[in-house]
Amino acid sequence: MYSILKSAHSGWRYIVLILLVVAVINGLQGWLGKKTYTEGNRKLNVFTLISAHIQFLIGLVLYFLSPLTKLPMSDTIGRYFKAEHTSMMLIAIILITIGNSKSKKVADAVAKHRTIAIFFGLALTIIIAAISLMIKEVPGRSFFGVS
């Protein structure tokens, strides 16, 4: 069960990253280009939200099953997976959720794009920082390598 979830979590990250990058670029283009907010924009943002939440739920289950979270906090890898990775990803999920929610409440198309670009962009920055930290802290891990 653990290895299946770990593989799913490792593979699903690509879906989340691709959707998040596309949503941020789309949001920036809509914001800076003063474009209308279409049904396609809304669907992209919702799919990004859903994929991120699925990734978070898989990660939450892994948190309780993984031997890495049973390591002491004094251990670099244990600290990373117990505290740093978990808290950074939780913040990213919260930003994605707030951004999507706020964009639905705004009437102006440019403001919707701006909200998505800012909140999803911040979440993307945090996720990339967490991945970079993992590469630094956990031996044998790479940015694009499936763990």
N, C-alpha and C. Protein backbone atom coordinates (compact mmCIF):
# COMPACT_ATOMS: atom_id res chain seq x y z
N MET A 1 0.83 -1.19 0.00
CA MET A 1 0.00 0.00 0.00
C MET A 1 0.87 1.26 0.00
N TYR A 2 1.90 1.25 0.84
CA TYR A 2 2.78 2.42 0.94
C TYR A 2 3.46 2.71 -0.39
N SER A 3 4.00 1.67 -1.03
CA SER A 3 4.73 1.88 -2.28
C SER A 3 3.81 2.36 -3.40
N ILE A 4 2.57 1.90 -3.41
CA ILE A 4 1.60 2.36 -4.42
C ILE A 4 1.30 3.84 -4.21
N LEU A 5 1.04 4.22 -2.97
CA LEU A 5 0.75 5.63 -2.67
C LEU A 5 1.95 6.52 -2.94
N LYS A 6 3.13 6.03 -2.61
CA LYS A 6 4.34 6.81 -2.86
C LYS A 6 4.55 7.05 -4.35
N SER A 7 4.31 6.00 -5.15
CA SER A 7 4.42 6.14 -6.61
C SER A 7 3.34 7.09 -7.14
N ALA A 8 2.14 6.97 -6.63
CA ALA A 8 1.05 7.86 -7.06
C ALA A 8 1.38 9.31 -6.71
N HIS A 9 1.89 9.53 -5.52
CA HIS A 9 2.25 10.88 -5.07
C HIS A 9 3.39 11.44 -5.93
N SER A 10 4.35 10.60 -6.25
CA SER A 10 5.48 11.03 -7.08
C SER A 10 5.04 11.34 -8.50
N GLY A 11 4.15 10.56 -9.05
CA GLY A 11 3.69 10.78 -10.42
C GLY A 11 2.68 11.91 -10.54
N TRP A 12 1.80 12.02 -9.58
CA TRP A 12 0.73 13.03 -9.62
C TRP A 12 1.30 14.44 -9.53
N ARG A 13 2.50 14.58 -8.98
CA ARG A 13 3.10 15.91 -8.83
C ARG A 13 3.28 16.58 -10.18
N TYR A 14 3.52 15.78 -11.22
CA TYR A 14 3.71 16.36 -12.55
C TYR A 14 2.40 16.98 -13.06
N ILE A 15 1.30 16.32 -12.80
CA ILE A 15 0.00 16.87 -13.19
C ILE A 15 -0.24 18.19 -12.47
N VAL A 16 0.02 18.21 -11.17
CA VAL A 16 -0.17 19.43 -10.38
C VAL A 16 0.73 20.55 -10.89
N LEU A 17 2.00 20.25 -11.09
CA LEU A 17 2.94 21.27 -11.55
C LEU A 17 2.58 21.81 -12.93
N ILE A 18 2.22 20.94 -13.86
CA ILE A 18 1.86 21.38 -15.20
C ILE A 18 0.62 22.26 -15.15
N LEU A 19 -0.42 21.80 -14.45
CA LEU A 19 -1.64 22.60 -14.36
C LEU A 19 -1.39 23.94 -13.67
N LEU A 20 -0.58 23.93 -12.63
CA LEU A 20 -0.29 25.15 -11.89
C LEU A 20 0.50 26.14 -12.75
N VAL A 21 1.48 25.66 -13.47
CA VAL A 21 2.26 26.55 -14.35
C VAL A 21 1.36 27.13 -15.45
N VAL A 22 0.54 26.28 -16.06
CA VAL A 22 -0.37 26.76 -17.11
C VAL A 22 -1.36 27.77 -16.55
N ALA A 23 -1.90 27.50 -15.36
CA ALA A 23 -2.86 28.42 -14.74
C ALA A 23 -2.21 29.77 -14.41
N VAL A 24 -0.98 29.74 -13.93
CA VAL A 24 -0.28 31.00 -13.60
C VAL A 24 0.00 31.79 -14.88
N ILE A 25 0.49 31.12 -15.91
CA ILE A 25 0.76 31.80 -17.18
C ILE A 25 -0.53 32.36 -17.76
N ASN A 26 -1.58 31.56 -17.72
CA ASN A 26 -2.88 31.99 -18.21
C ASN A 26 -3.40 33.20 -17.42
N GLY A 27 -3.22 33.15 -16.11
CA GLY A 27 -3.64 34.26 -15.26
C GLY A 27 -2.86 35.53 -15.55
N LEU A 28 -1.56 35.39 -15.74
CA LEU A 28 -0.72 36.55 -16.07
C LEU A 28 -1.09 37.14 -17.43
N GLN A 29 -1.33 36.27 -18.40
CA GLN A 29 -1.72 36.75 -19.73
C GLN A 29 -3.06 37.48 -19.68
N GLY A 30 -4.00 36.92 -18.92
CA GLY A 30 -5.31 37.55 -18.80
C GLY A 30 -5.25 38.86 -18.05
N TRP A 31 -4.42 38.90 -17.01
CA TRP A 31 -4.28 40.10 -16.18
C TRP A 31 -3.58 41.21 -16.96
N LEU A 32 -2.41 40.91 -17.49
CA LEU A 32 -1.62 41.93 -18.18
C LEU A 32 -2.18 42.27 -19.56
N GLY A 33 -2.85 41.30 -20.19
CA GLY A 33 -3.44 41.54 -21.51
C GLY A 33 -4.88 42.01 -21.44
N LYS A 34 -5.39 42.15 -20.22
CA LYS A 34 -6.77 42.59 -20.00
C LYS A 34 -7.78 41.76 -20.82
N LYS A 35 -7.63 40.45 -20.72
CA LYS A 35 -8.49 39.54 -21.47
C LYS A 35 -9.74 39.17 -20.67
N THR A 36 -10.72 38.66 -21.37
CA THR A 36 -11.95 38.21 -20.70
C THR A 36 -11.66 36.90 -19.97
N TYR A 37 -12.48 36.64 -18.98
CA TYR A 37 -12.36 35.42 -18.19
C TYR A 37 -13.37 34.43 -18.76
N THR A 38 -12.87 33.36 -19.35
CA THR A 38 -13.74 32.41 -20.04
C THR A 38 -14.06 31.20 -19.17
N GLU A 39 -14.95 30.39 -19.68
CA GLU A 39 -15.29 29.13 -19.02
C GLU A 39 -14.07 28.21 -19.00
N GLY A 40 -13.25 28.28 -20.03
CA GLY A 40 -12.01 27.50 -20.07
C GLY A 40 -11.04 27.91 -18.97
N ASN A 41 -10.97 29.22 -18.68
CA ASN A 41 -10.15 29.70 -17.58
C ASN A 41 -10.64 29.13 -16.25
N ARG A 42 -11.94 29.17 -16.07
CA ARG A 42 -12.53 28.67 -14.83
C ARG A 42 -12.26 27.18 -14.65
N LYS A 43 -12.43 26.42 -15.74
CA LYS A 43 -12.20 24.97 -15.67
C LYS A 43 -10.74 24.64 -15.37
N LEU A 44 -9.83 25.37 -16.01
CA LEU A 44 -8.40 25.17 -15.74
C LEU A 44 -8.10 25.41 -14.26
N ASN A 45 -8.64 26.48 -13.70
CA ASN A 45 -8.40 26.78 -12.29
C ASN A 45 -9.00 25.73 -11.37
N VAL A 46 -10.18 25.24 -11.71
CA VAL A 46 -10.81 24.20 -10.89
C VAL A 46 -10.04 22.89 -10.98
N PHE A 47 -9.60 22.52 -12.19
CA PHE A 47 -8.81 21.30 -12.34
C PHE A 47 -7.49 21.40 -11.57
N THR A 48 -6.90 22.58 -11.59
CA THR A 48 -5.67 22.80 -10.83
C THR A 48 -5.95 22.64 -9.34
N LEU A 49 -7.03 23.23 -8.86
CA LEU A 49 -7.43 23.11 -7.46
C LEU A 49 -7.67 21.65 -7.08
N ILE A 50 -8.42 20.93 -7.90
CA ILE A 50 -8.74 19.53 -7.61
C ILE A 50 -7.47 18.67 -7.61
N SER A 51 -6.61 18.87 -8.60
CA SER A 51 -5.39 18.05 -8.66
C SER A 51 -4.50 18.31 -7.45
N ALA A 52 -4.42 19.57 -7.03
CA ALA A 52 -3.60 19.91 -5.86
C ALA A 52 -4.19 19.28 -4.59
N HIS A 53 -5.51 19.28 -4.48
CA HIS A 53 -6.14 18.68 -3.30
C HIS A 53 -5.96 17.16 -3.28
N ILE A 54 -6.04 16.53 -4.45
CA ILE A 54 -5.80 15.08 -4.52
C ILE A 54 -4.37 14.78 -4.09
N GLN A 55 -3.42 15.56 -4.59
CA GLN A 55 -2.01 15.39 -4.21
C GLN A 55 -1.84 15.56 -2.70
N PHE A 56 -2.51 16.54 -2.15
CA PHE A 56 -2.40 16.78 -0.71
C PHE A 56 -2.99 15.61 0.09
N LEU A 57 -4.11 15.07 -0.35
CA LEU A 57 -4.72 13.95 0.36
C LEU A 57 -3.83 12.70 0.30
N ILE A 58 -3.24 12.45 -0.85
CA ILE A 58 -2.31 11.32 -0.95
C ILE A 58 -1.12 11.56 -0.02
N GLY A 59 -0.61 12.79 -0.02
CA GLY A 59 0.50 13.14 0.86
C GLY A 59 0.15 13.01 2.33
N LEU A 60 -1.06 13.35 2.67
CA LEU A 60 -1.51 13.24 4.06
C LEU A 60 -1.53 11.78 4.52
N VAL A 61 -2.01 10.90 3.66
CA VAL A 61 -2.00 9.47 3.99
C VAL A 61 -0.55 8.98 4.11
N LEU A 62 0.29 9.41 3.17
CA LEU A 62 1.70 9.02 3.23
C LEU A 62 2.39 9.51 4.50
N TYR A 63 1.97 10.67 4.97
CA TYR A 63 2.56 11.23 6.19
C TYR A 63 2.44 10.23 7.35
N PHE A 64 1.31 9.55 7.43
CA PHE A 64 1.09 8.62 8.53
C PHE A 64 1.65 7.23 8.26
N LEU A 65 1.92 6.91 6.98
CA LEU A 65 2.45 5.59 6.65
C LEU A 65 3.97 5.56 6.46
N SER A 66 4.55 6.69 6.12
CA SER A 66 5.95 6.73 5.72
C SER A 66 6.92 6.51 6.88
N PRO A 67 7.94 5.71 6.65
CA PRO A 67 8.98 5.56 7.67
C PRO A 67 9.81 6.84 7.82
N LEU A 68 9.78 7.70 6.81
CA LEU A 68 10.55 8.94 6.87
C LEU A 68 10.01 9.90 7.93
N THR A 69 8.71 9.85 8.18
CA THR A 69 8.14 10.74 9.20
C THR A 69 8.32 10.18 10.61
N LYS A 70 8.83 8.98 10.69
CA LYS A 70 9.09 8.39 12.01
C LYS A 70 10.51 8.68 12.47
N LEU A 71 11.31 9.29 11.59
CA LEU A 71 12.67 9.67 11.96
C LEU A 71 12.62 10.83 12.95
N PRO A 72 13.64 10.96 13.79
CA PRO A 72 13.64 12.07 14.76
C PRO A 72 13.80 13.42 14.07
N MET A 73 13.31 14.47 14.71
CA MET A 73 13.40 15.82 14.17
C MET A 73 14.85 16.28 14.06
N SER A 74 15.73 15.70 14.83
CA SER A 74 17.14 16.06 14.76
C SER A 74 17.78 15.57 13.45
N ASP A 75 17.16 14.58 12.82
CA ASP A 75 17.63 14.07 11.54
C ASP A 75 17.13 15.00 10.43
N THR A 76 18.01 15.35 9.51
CA THR A 76 17.67 16.29 8.44
C THR A 76 16.49 15.81 7.61
N ILE A 77 16.51 14.55 7.22
CA ILE A 77 15.43 13.99 6.41
C ILE A 77 14.13 13.93 7.21
N GLY A 78 14.21 13.52 8.46
CA GLY A 78 13.03 13.47 9.31
C GLY A 78 12.40 14.84 9.49
N ARG A 79 13.25 15.84 9.73
CA ARG A 79 12.74 17.21 9.90
C ARG A 79 12.08 17.71 8.61
N TYR A 80 12.72 17.40 7.48
CA TYR A 80 12.17 17.87 6.21
C TYR A 80 10.77 17.30 5.99
N PHE A 81 10.62 15.98 6.13
CA PHE A 81 9.32 15.38 5.84
C PHE A 81 8.29 15.60 6.94
N LYS A 82 8.71 15.73 8.18
CA LYS A 82 7.75 15.98 9.27
C LYS A 82 7.26 17.42 9.29
N ALA A 83 8.15 18.35 9.05
CA ALA A 83 7.79 19.76 9.26
C ALA A 83 7.84 20.59 7.99
N GLU A 84 8.97 20.63 7.33
CA GLU A 84 9.18 21.57 6.24
C GLU A 84 8.29 21.26 5.03
N HIS A 85 8.38 20.04 4.52
CA HIS A 85 7.60 19.64 3.35
C HIS A 85 6.10 19.78 3.64
N THR A 86 5.70 19.25 4.76
CA THR A 86 4.28 19.26 5.12
C THR A 86 3.74 20.67 5.26
N SER A 87 4.44 21.52 5.98
CA SER A 87 3.93 22.88 6.19
C SER A 87 3.95 23.71 4.91
N MET A 88 5.00 23.55 4.10
CA MET A 88 5.06 24.31 2.85
C MET A 88 3.95 23.89 1.89
N MET A 89 3.70 22.60 1.81
CA MET A 89 2.64 22.13 0.92
C MET A 89 1.26 22.52 1.43
N LEU A 90 1.07 22.51 2.73
CA LEU A 90 -0.20 22.96 3.30
C LEU A 90 -0.44 24.43 2.97
N ILE A 91 0.58 25.26 3.10
CA ILE A 91 0.45 26.68 2.77
C ILE A 91 0.13 26.84 1.28
N ALA A 92 0.78 26.06 0.43
CA ALA A 92 0.52 26.14 -1.01
C ALA A 92 -0.93 25.76 -1.32
N ILE A 93 -1.43 24.70 -0.69
CA ILE A 93 -2.82 24.28 -0.91
C ILE A 93 -3.78 25.36 -0.44
N ILE A 94 -3.49 25.97 0.69
CA ILE A 94 -4.34 27.04 1.21
C ILE A 94 -4.36 28.22 0.23
N LEU A 95 -3.20 28.58 -0.31
CA LEU A 95 -3.13 29.68 -1.28
C LEU A 95 -3.92 29.36 -2.54
N ILE A 96 -3.82 28.15 -3.03
CA ILE A 96 -4.57 27.75 -4.23
C ILE A 96 -6.07 27.81 -3.95
N THR A 97 -6.48 27.32 -2.80
CA THR A 97 -7.89 27.31 -2.43
C THR A 97 -8.43 28.74 -2.28
N ILE A 98 -7.69 29.58 -1.57
CA ILE A 98 -8.11 30.97 -1.39
C ILE A 98 -8.16 31.70 -2.74
N GLY A 99 -7.15 31.51 -3.56
CA GLY A 99 -7.11 32.15 -4.87
C GLY A 99 -8.30 31.77 -5.73
N ASN A 100 -8.61 30.48 -5.76
CA ASN A 100 -9.75 30.03 -6.55
C ASN A 100 -11.05 30.60 -6.00
N SER A 101 -11.19 30.59 -4.69
CA SER A 101 -12.41 31.10 -4.05
C SER A 101 -12.58 32.60 -4.29
N LYS A 102 -11.51 33.35 -4.10
CA LYS A 102 -11.58 34.80 -4.30
C LYS A 102 -11.87 35.15 -5.76
N SER A 103 -11.31 34.39 -6.69
CA SER A 103 -11.54 34.69 -8.10
C SER A 103 -13.01 34.49 -8.49
N LYS A 104 -13.68 33.57 -7.82
CA LYS A 104 -15.10 33.35 -8.10
C LYS A 104 -15.97 34.50 -7.61
N LYS A 105 -15.50 35.20 -6.57
CA LYS A 105 -16.30 36.27 -5.97
C LYS A 105 -16.12 37.62 -6.67
N VAL A 106 -15.09 37.74 -7.49
CA VAL A 106 -14.80 38.99 -8.17
C VAL A 106 -15.56 39.02 -9.49
N ALA A 107 -16.15 40.17 -9.81
CA ALA A 107 -16.94 40.29 -11.04
C ALA A 107 -16.08 40.64 -12.25
N ASP A 108 -15.06 41.46 -12.06
CA ASP A 108 -14.22 41.93 -13.15
C ASP A 108 -13.28 40.83 -13.64
N ALA A 109 -13.23 40.64 -14.97
CA ALA A 109 -12.42 39.58 -15.57
C ALA A 109 -10.93 39.75 -15.28
N VAL A 110 -10.44 40.98 -15.40
CA VAL A 110 -9.02 41.23 -15.15
C VAL A 110 -8.68 40.95 -13.69
N ALA A 111 -9.57 41.30 -12.78
CA ALA A 111 -9.35 41.04 -11.36
C ALA A 111 -9.34 39.54 -11.08
N LYS A 112 -10.16 38.77 -11.79
CA LYS A 112 -10.16 37.31 -11.64
C LYS A 112 -8.79 36.75 -12.05
N HIS A 113 -8.31 37.20 -13.21
CA HIS A 113 -7.00 36.75 -13.69
C HIS A 113 -5.89 37.16 -12.72
N ARG A 114 -5.96 38.38 -12.21
CA ARG A 114 -4.94 38.88 -11.28
C ARG A 114 -4.93 38.03 -10.01
N THR A 115 -6.11 37.73 -9.49
CA THR A 115 -6.21 36.92 -8.26
C THR A 115 -5.60 35.54 -8.48
N ILE A 116 -5.93 34.91 -9.58
CA ILE A 116 -5.37 33.59 -9.89
C ILE A 116 -3.86 33.69 -10.05
N ALA A 117 -3.40 34.67 -10.81
CA ALA A 117 -1.95 34.81 -11.05
C ALA A 117 -1.19 35.00 -9.74
N ILE A 118 -1.72 35.81 -8.85
CA ILE A 118 -1.02 36.10 -7.59
C ILE A 118 -1.05 34.89 -6.66
N PHE A 119 -2.22 34.36 -6.36
CA PHE A 119 -2.33 33.27 -5.39
C PHE A 119 -1.72 31.97 -5.92
N PHE A 120 -2.03 31.61 -7.16
CA PHE A 120 -1.45 30.40 -7.72
C PHE A 120 0.05 30.57 -7.91
N GLY A 121 0.49 31.78 -8.27
CA GLY A 121 1.92 32.05 -8.43
C GLY A 121 2.68 31.91 -7.13
N LEU A 122 2.09 32.41 -6.04
CA LEU A 122 2.71 32.24 -4.73
C LEU A 122 2.79 30.77 -4.34
N ALA A 123 1.71 30.03 -4.62
CA ALA A 123 1.70 28.60 -4.32
C ALA A 123 2.76 27.87 -5.13
N LEU A 124 2.88 28.22 -6.41
CA LEU A 124 3.90 27.60 -7.26
C LEU A 124 5.30 27.89 -6.75
N THR A 125 5.53 29.11 -6.31
CA THR A 125 6.83 29.49 -5.76
C THR A 125 7.15 28.66 -4.52
N ILE A 126 6.19 28.49 -3.65
CA ILE A 126 6.39 27.70 -2.43
C ILE A 126 6.66 26.23 -2.78
N ILE A 127 5.92 25.70 -3.74
CA ILE A 127 6.11 24.30 -4.13
C ILE A 127 7.50 24.09 -4.73
N ILE A 128 7.93 25.00 -5.58
CA ILE A 128 9.27 24.89 -6.17
C ILE A 128 10.34 25.03 -5.09
N ALA A 129 10.11 25.91 -4.12
CA ALA A 129 11.05 26.05 -3.00
C ALA A 129 11.12 24.76 -2.19
N ALA A 130 9.97 24.13 -1.95
CA ALA A 130 9.95 22.88 -1.19
C ALA A 130 10.67 21.76 -1.94
N ILE A 131 10.46 21.71 -3.24
CA ILE A 131 11.15 20.69 -4.05
C ILE A 131 12.65 20.95 -4.04
N SER A 132 13.04 22.20 -4.18
CA SER A 132 14.46 22.55 -4.15
C SER A 132 15.09 22.20 -2.81
N LEU A 133 14.36 22.45 -1.74
CA LEU A 133 14.84 22.11 -0.40
C LEU A 133 14.98 20.60 -0.25
N MET A 134 14.05 19.85 -0.84
CA MET A 134 14.12 18.40 -0.77
C MET A 134 15.37 17.90 -1.50
N ILE A 135 15.65 18.48 -2.66
CA ILE A 135 16.83 18.07 -3.42
C ILE A 135 18.09 18.31 -2.59
N LYS A 136 18.10 19.41 -1.86
CA LYS A 136 19.25 19.76 -1.04
C LYS A 136 19.37 18.86 0.20
N GLU A 137 18.25 18.57 0.84
CA GLU A 137 18.25 17.87 2.12
C GLU A 137 18.24 16.35 2.01
N VAL A 138 17.60 15.82 0.96
CA VAL A 138 17.43 14.37 0.86
C VAL A 138 18.34 13.82 -0.23
N PRO A 139 19.33 13.01 0.15
CA PRO A 139 20.27 12.46 -0.84
C PRO A 139 19.55 11.58 -1.88
N GLY A 140 19.99 11.69 -3.12
CA GLY A 140 19.44 10.85 -4.17
C GLY A 140 18.17 11.37 -4.82
N ARG A 141 17.67 12.48 -4.38
CA ARG A 141 16.44 13.05 -4.96
C ARG A 141 16.81 14.08 -6.02
N SER A 142 16.01 14.13 -7.08
CA SER A 142 16.21 15.14 -8.11
C SER A 142 14.88 15.79 -8.41
N PHE A 143 14.91 16.93 -9.07
CA PHE A 143 13.70 17.69 -9.33
C PHE A 143 12.74 16.91 -10.21
N PHE A 144 13.24 16.30 -11.27
CA PHE A 144 12.36 15.60 -12.20
C PHE A 144 12.38 14.09 -12.03
N GLY A 145 13.20 13.59 -11.13
CA GLY A 145 13.28 12.15 -10.93
C GLY A 145 12.10 11.63 -10.13
N VAL A 146 11.58 10.51 -10.53
CA VAL A 146 10.48 9.88 -9.79
C VAL A 146 11.10 9.13 -8.63
N SER A 147 10.62 9.42 -7.44
CA SER A 147 11.19 8.77 -6.26
C SER A 147 10.40 7.55 -5.87
